[in-house]
Amino acid sequence: MLHIPTLRTERLSLVPLDHRCEPAYQAFYTDAKASANYGGPLSAGAAWARLAADLGTWYLQGFGVWAVRQKVDQQIVGVCGFWQGKGWPRELTWWLLPQARGQGLAKEASLAVISHAYEVLGWPVVETYMNDSNASARALVLSLDGEFQERRSFPDGLERDIFRLPNPDRVCRERRAGLSNQL
């Protein structure tokens, strides 16, 4: 049986997906505005299928997304983790319900999963990409110190910028070392 770990941050628990995520998936994917950059809007049945597919990637690929659960009220407010469709590059991905946006939760969750990829999974690189029109995703990537790598064509016929995301644990160590050297 595959073990999907739980990751913890100051305000969040990133937990394995299960049936309790269905209301968040349905709320997100049936909302045309919220899910516009994620293939939505979808029907409630298609949102359920997306949840099942996201859980299935853990079993097929050994990685996937976690449910983002707030510690304060135990509410599932989105997902964050990794996705790789057939013929697509692996990417950091996330979405949050509209009421959870603008609080730094996507960045907090992303830092935890990027660290996990480097420190636990041993990945040599973590990358992400987004549609050109997704300004909020681009802003988050830049706040994560994302570094532009290349522009690439994708299986859906669109071109996207690929960003490499550094290991936040390493960045923190390097910044601390730099401060120590300045003293």
C-alpha atoms as a PDB file:
ATOM      1  CA  MET A   1       0.000   0.000   0.000  1.00  0.00           C
ATOM      2  CA  LEU A   2       1.331   3.417  -0.960  1.00  0.00           C
ATOM      3  CA  HIS A   3       1.981   5.813   1.905  1.00  0.00           C
ATOM      4  CA  ILE A   4       1.185   9.457   1.134  1.00  0.00           C
ATOM      5  CA  PRO A   5       2.777  11.597   3.832  1.00  0.00           C
ATOM      6  CA  THR A   6       1.161  14.548   5.542  1.00  0.00           C
ATOM      7  CA  LEU A   7       3.134  17.785   5.345  1.00  0.00           C
ATOM      8  CA  ARG A   8       2.686  20.501   7.950  1.00  0.00           C
ATOM      9  CA  THR A   9       3.305  24.227   7.844  1.00  0.00           C
ATOM     10  CA  GLU A  10       2.498  27.007  10.280  1.00  0.00           C
ATOM     11  CA  ARG A  11      -1.141  27.327   9.153  1.00  0.00           C
ATOM     12  CA  LEU A  12      -1.717  24.251   6.990  1.00  0.00           C
ATOM     13  CA  SER A  13      -1.761  20.501   6.880  1.00  0.00           C
ATOM     14  CA  LEU A  14      -1.208  19.054   3.425  1.00  0.00           C
ATOM     15  CA  VAL A  15      -3.065  15.766   3.638  1.00  0.00           C
ATOM     16  CA  PRO A  16      -3.743  12.849   1.273  1.00  0.00           C
ATOM     17  CA  LEU A  17      -6.789  13.233  -0.922  1.00  0.00           C
ATOM     18  CA  ASP A  18      -9.917  11.276  -0.026  1.00  0.00           C
ATOM     19  CA  HIS A  19     -13.710  11.474  -0.353  1.00  0.00           C
ATOM     20  CA  ARG A  20     -13.818  14.437   2.065  1.00  0.00           C
ATOM     21  CA  CYS A  21     -12.198  16.561  -0.671  1.00  0.00           C
ATOM     22  CA  GLU A  22     -15.231  16.235  -2.955  1.00  0.00           C
ATOM     23  CA  PRO A  23     -17.003  19.421  -1.765  1.00  0.00           C
ATOM     24  CA  ALA A  24     -13.876  21.533  -2.394  1.00  0.00           C
ATOM     25  CA  TYR A  25     -13.296  19.945  -5.828  1.00  0.00           C
ATOM     26  CA  GLN A  26     -16.931  20.477  -6.772  1.00  0.00           C
ATOM     27  CA  ALA A  27     -16.953  24.086  -5.526  1.00  0.00           C
ATOM     28  CA  PHE A  28     -13.742  24.890  -7.399  1.00  0.00           C
ATOM     29  CA  TYR A  29     -14.298  23.085 -10.693  1.00  0.00           C
ATOM     30  CA  THR A  30     -17.961  24.045 -11.148  1.00  0.00           C
ATOM     31  CA  ASP A  31     -17.084  27.733 -10.615  1.00  0.00           C
ATOM     32  CA  ALA A  32     -16.267  29.086 -14.093  1.00  0.00           C
ATOM     33  CA  LYS A  33     -14.191  32.002 -12.847  1.00  0.00           C
ATOM     34  CA  ALA A  34     -12.269  30.061 -10.174  1.00  0.00           C
ATOM     35  CA  SER A  35     -11.365  27.159 -12.479  1.00  0.00           C
ATOM     36  CA  ALA A  36     -10.834  29.067 -15.739  1.00  0.00           C
ATOM     37  CA  ASN A  37      -7.081  28.324 -15.782  1.00  0.00           C
ATOM     38  CA  TYR A  38      -7.636  24.664 -14.861  1.00  0.00           C
ATOM     39  CA  GLY A  39      -9.932  23.460 -17.622  1.00  0.00           C
ATOM     40  CA  GLY A  40     -13.155  24.505 -15.955  1.00  0.00           C
ATOM     41  CA  PRO A  41     -15.930  24.892 -15.488  1.00  0.00           C
ATOM     42  CA  LEU A  42     -16.667  21.194 -15.135  1.00  0.00           C
ATOM     43  CA  SER A  43     -19.782  19.319 -14.106  1.00  0.00           C
ATOM     44  CA  ALA A  44     -19.999  17.890 -10.594  1.00  0.00           C
ATOM     45  CA  GLY A  45     -19.347  14.434 -12.059  1.00  0.00           C
ATOM     46  CA  ALA A  46     -16.267  15.660 -13.920  1.00  0.00           C
ATOM     47  CA  ALA A  47     -15.001  17.333 -10.722  1.00  0.00           C
ATOM     48  CA  TRP A  48     -15.344  13.954  -8.970  1.00  0.00           C
ATOM     49  CA  ALA A  49     -13.406  12.329 -11.828  1.00  0.00           C
ATOM     50  CA  ARG A  50     -10.667  14.973 -11.450  1.00  0.00           C
ATOM     51  CA  LEU A  51     -10.410  14.133  -7.732  1.00  0.00           C
ATOM     52  CA  ALA A  52     -10.137  10.427  -8.573  1.00  0.00           C
ATOM     53  CA  ALA A  53      -7.486  11.141 -11.233  1.00  0.00           C
ATOM     54  CA  ASP A  54      -5.485  13.326  -8.837  1.00  0.00           C
ATOM     55  CA  LEU A  55      -5.503  10.549  -6.242  1.00  0.00           C
ATOM     56  CA  GLY A  56      -4.616   8.001  -8.911  1.00  0.00           C
ATOM     57  CA  THR A  57      -1.417   9.821  -9.876  1.00  0.00           C
ATOM     58  CA  TRP A  58       0.060   8.892  -6.505  1.00  0.00           C
ATOM     59  CA  TYR A  59      -0.394   5.217  -7.372  1.00  0.00           C
ATOM     60  CA  LEU A  60       0.690   5.487 -11.008  1.00  0.00           C
ATOM     61  CA  GLN A  61       3.572   7.955 -10.659  1.00  0.00           C
ATOM     62  CA  GLY A  62       4.526   8.006  -6.976  1.00  0.00           C
ATOM     63  CA  PHE A  63       3.630  11.692  -6.586  1.00  0.00           C
ATOM     64  CA  GLY A  64       0.590  13.923  -6.814  1.00  0.00           C
ATOM     65  CA  VAL A  65      -1.253  16.719  -5.074  1.00  0.00           C
ATOM     66  CA  TRP A  66      -2.184  17.048  -1.441  1.00  0.00           C
ATOM     67  CA  ALA A  67      -5.372  18.563  -0.082  1.00  0.00           C
ATOM     68  CA  VAL A  68      -4.625  21.918   1.553  1.00  0.00           C
ATOM     69  CA  ARG A  69      -6.371  21.910   4.926  1.00  0.00           C
ATOM     70  CA  GLN A  70      -6.343  24.922   7.228  1.00  0.00           C
ATOM     71  CA  LYS A  71      -5.331  24.054  10.775  1.00  0.00           C
ATOM     72  CA  VAL A  72      -7.584  26.674  12.343  1.00  0.00           C
ATOM     73  CA  ASP A  73     -10.890  25.240  11.083  1.00  0.00           C
ATOM     74  CA  GLN A  74      -9.904  21.961   9.364  1.00  0.00           C
ATOM     75  CA  GLN A  75     -11.437  23.168   6.089  1.00  0.00           C
ATOM     76  CA  ILE A  76     -10.059  21.894   2.766  1.00  0.00           C
ATOM     77  CA  VAL A  77      -9.393  25.036   0.728  1.00  0.00           C
ATOM     78  CA  GLY A  78      -7.502  23.686  -2.297  1.00  0.00           C
ATOM     79  CA  VAL A  79      -4.697  21.454  -3.472  1.00  0.00           C
ATOM     80  CA  CYS A  80      -0.959  21.758  -3.957  1.00  0.00           C
ATOM     81  CA  GLY A  81       1.577  19.279  -5.248  1.00  0.00           C
ATOM     82  CA  PHE A  82       2.755  17.798  -8.516  1.00  0.00           C
ATOM     83  CA  TRP A  83       1.078  16.813 -11.759  1.00  0.00           C
ATOM     84  CA  GLN A  84       2.344  15.230 -14.943  1.00  0.00           C
ATOM     85  CA  GLY A  85      -0.037  14.293 -17.700  1.00  0.00           C
ATOM     86  CA  LYS A  86       0.982  11.894 -20.450  1.00  0.00           C
ATOM     87  CA  GLY A  87       3.430  13.740 -22.710  1.00  0.00           C
ATOM     88  CA  TRP A  88       3.647  16.738 -20.349  1.00  0.00           C
ATOM     89  CA  PRO A  89       6.549  17.787 -18.111  1.00  0.00           C
ATOM     90  CA  ARG A  90       6.153  17.322 -14.370  1.00  0.00           C
ATOM     91  CA  GLU A  91       5.049  20.529 -12.659  1.00  0.00           C
ATOM     92  CA  LEU A  92       4.277  22.101  -9.338  1.00  0.00           C
ATOM     93  CA  THR A  93       0.568  22.864  -9.387  1.00  0.00           C
ATOM     94  CA  TRP A  94      -1.968  24.332  -6.998  1.00  0.00           C
ATOM     95  CA  TRP A  95      -5.435  25.805  -6.794  1.00  0.00           C
ATOM     96  CA  LEU A  96      -7.318  27.485  -3.991  1.00  0.00           C
ATOM     97  CA  LEU A  97     -10.985  28.214  -3.472  1.00  0.00           C
ATOM     98  CA  PRO A  98     -11.708  31.920  -4.008  1.00  0.00           C
ATOM     99  CA  GLN A  99     -12.303  32.609  -0.301  1.00  0.00           C
ATOM    100  CA  ALA A 100      -8.828  31.249   0.563  1.00  0.00           C
ATOM    101  CA  ARG A 101      -6.910  33.416  -1.905  1.00  0.00           C
ATOM    102  CA  GLY A 102      -4.846  36.459  -1.012  1.00  0.00           C
ATOM    103  CA  GLN A 103      -3.660  35.065   2.350  1.00  0.00           C
ATOM    104  CA  GLY A 104      -0.327  33.564   1.291  1.00  0.00           C
ATOM    105  CA  LEU A 105      -1.635  30.000   1.575  1.00  0.00           C
ATOM    106  CA  ALA A 106      -0.560  28.957  -1.939  1.00  0.00           C
ATOM    107  CA  LYS A 107       2.981  30.135  -1.261  1.00  0.00           C
ATOM    108  CA  GLU A 108       3.082  28.433   2.141  1.00  0.00           C
ATOM    109  CA  ALA A 109       1.844  25.151   0.679  1.00  0.00           C
ATOM    110  CA  SER A 110       4.141  25.418  -2.350  1.00  0.00           C
ATOM    111  CA  LEU A 111       7.240  25.927  -0.202  1.00  0.00           C
ATOM    112  CA  ALA A 112       6.389  22.771   1.748  1.00  0.00           C
ATOM    113  CA  VAL A 113       5.881  20.589  -1.322  1.00  0.00           C
ATOM    114  CA  ILE A 114       8.950  21.966  -3.122  1.00  0.00           C
ATOM    115  CA  SER A 115      11.063  21.176  -0.034  1.00  0.00           C
ATOM    116  CA  HIS A 116       9.548  17.691   0.066  1.00  0.00           C
ATOM    117  CA  ALA A 117      10.452  17.092  -3.594  1.00  0.00           C
ATOM    118  CA  TYR A 118      14.081  18.084  -3.078  1.00  0.00           C
ATOM    119  CA  GLU A 119      14.701  16.773   0.432  1.00  0.00           C
ATOM    120  CA  VAL A 120      12.583  13.594   0.557  1.00  0.00           C
ATOM    121  CA  LEU A 121      11.954  12.549  -3.051  1.00  0.00           C
ATOM    122  CA  GLY A 122      15.476  13.584  -4.085  1.00  0.00           C
ATOM    123  CA  TRP A 123      14.398  15.312  -7.270  1.00  0.00           C
ATOM    124  CA  PRO A 124      17.214  17.244  -8.960  1.00  0.00           C
ATOM    125  CA  VAL A 125      14.841  19.929 -10.222  1.00  0.00           C
ATOM    126  CA  VAL A 126      11.329  21.210  -9.567  1.00  0.00           C
ATOM    127  CA  GLU A 127       9.637  23.113 -12.370  1.00  0.00           C
ATOM    128  CA  THR A 128       6.329  24.737 -13.106  1.00  0.00           C
ATOM    129  CA  TYR A 129       4.560  26.476 -15.970  1.00  0.00           C
ATOM    130  CA  MET A 130       1.300  28.282 -16.537  1.00  0.00           C
ATOM    131  CA  ASN A 131      -0.810  29.794 -19.287  1.00  0.00           C
ATOM    132  CA  ASP A 132       0.430  33.229 -20.304  1.00  0.00           C
ATOM    133  CA  SER A 133      -2.816  34.799 -19.077  1.00  0.00           C
ATOM    134  CA  ASN A 134      -2.488  33.415 -15.520  1.00  0.00           C
ATOM    135  CA  ALA A 135      -0.946  36.503 -13.880  1.00  0.00           C
ATOM    136  CA  SER A 136      -1.563  35.312 -10.308  1.00  0.00           C
ATOM    137  CA  ALA A 137       0.284  32.027 -10.941  1.00  0.00           C
ATOM    138  CA  ARG A 138       3.208  33.898 -12.509  1.00  0.00           C
ATOM    139  CA  ALA A 139       3.347  36.247  -9.500  1.00  0.00           C
ATOM    140  CA  LEU A 140       3.415  33.281  -7.108  1.00  0.00           C
ATOM    141  CA  VAL A 141       6.207  31.600  -9.097  1.00  0.00           C
ATOM    142  CA  LEU A 142       8.276  34.769  -8.993  1.00  0.00           C
ATOM    143  CA  SER A 143       7.681  35.088  -5.227  1.00  0.00           C
ATOM    144  CA  LEU A 144       9.044  31.527  -4.917  1.00  0.00           C
ATOM    145  CA  ASP A 145      12.257  32.726  -6.646  1.00  0.00           C
ATOM    146  CA  GLY A 146      11.268  30.896  -9.822  1.00  0.00           C
ATOM    147  CA  GLU A 147      13.852  31.273 -12.558  1.00  0.00           C
ATOM    148  CA  PHE A 148      12.829  31.324 -16.217  1.00  0.00           C
ATOM    149  CA  GLN A 149      14.352  28.345 -18.055  1.00  0.00           C
ATOM    150  CA  GLU A 150      12.801  28.237 -21.520  1.00  0.00           C
ATOM    151  CA  ARG A 151       9.667  28.634 -23.580  1.00  0.00           C
ATOM    152  CA  ARG A 152       8.268  25.298 -24.741  1.00  0.00           C
ATOM    153  CA  SER A 153       5.409  23.961 -26.875  1.00  0.00           C
ATOM    154  CA  PHE A 154       2.955  21.697 -25.053  1.00  0.00           C
ATOM    155  CA  PRO A 155       0.720  18.811 -26.184  1.00  0.00           C
ATOM    156  CA  ASP A 156      -2.331  21.122 -26.195  1.00  0.00           C
ATOM    157  CA  GLY A 157      -0.686  23.311 -28.853  1.00  0.00           C
ATOM    158  CA  LEU A 158       0.082  26.237 -26.513  1.00  0.00           C
ATOM    159  CA  GLU A 159       3.494  27.608 -25.665  1.00  0.00           C
ATOM    160  CA  ARG A 160       4.360  28.251 -22.027  1.00  0.00           C
ATOM    161  CA  ASP A 161       7.299  29.534 -19.994  1.00  0.00           C
ATOM    162  CA  ILE A 162       9.029  26.904 -17.843  1.00  0.00           C
ATOM    163  CA  PHE A 163      10.353  28.068 -14.464  1.00  0.00           C
ATOM    164  CA  ARG A 164      12.806  26.216 -12.212  1.00  0.00           C
ATOM    165  CA  LEU A 165      11.966  26.523  -8.523  1.00  0.00           C
ATOM    166  CA  PRO A 166      14.842  26.419  -6.029  1.00  0.00           C
ATOM    167  CA  ASN A 167      14.939  24.309  -2.898  1.00  0.00           C
ATOM    168  CA  PRO A 168      13.593  26.683  -0.216  1.00  0.00           C
ATOM    169  CA  ASP A 169      15.587  24.896   2.506  1.00  0.00           C
ATOM    170  CA  ARG A 170      18.803  25.462   0.563  1.00  0.00           C
ATOM    171  CA  VAL A 171      17.913  29.097  -0.162  1.00  0.00           C
ATOM    172  CA  CYS A 172      17.312  29.687   3.568  1.00  0.00           C
ATOM    173  CA  ARG A 173      20.641  28.041   4.475  1.00  0.00           C
ATOM    174  CA  GLU A 174      22.477  30.121   1.862  1.00  0.00           C
ATOM    175  CA  ARG A 175      20.836  33.344   3.038  1.00  0.00           C
ATOM    176  CA  ARG A 176      21.706  32.552   6.672  1.00  0.00           C
ATOM    177  CA  ALA A 177      25.283  31.780   5.666  1.00  0.00           C
ATOM    178  CA  GLY A 178      25.465  35.057   3.723  1.00  0.00           C
ATOM    179  CA  LEU A 179      24.230  36.994   6.736  1.00  0.00           C
ATOM    180  CA  SER A 180      26.761  35.260   8.993  1.00  0.00           C
ATOM    181  CA  ASN A 181      29.557  36.156   6.596  1.00  0.00           C
ATOM    182  CA  GLN A 182      28.496  39.811   6.671  1.00  0.00           C
ATOM    183  CA  LEU A 183      28.679  40.045  10.476  1.00  0.00           C
END
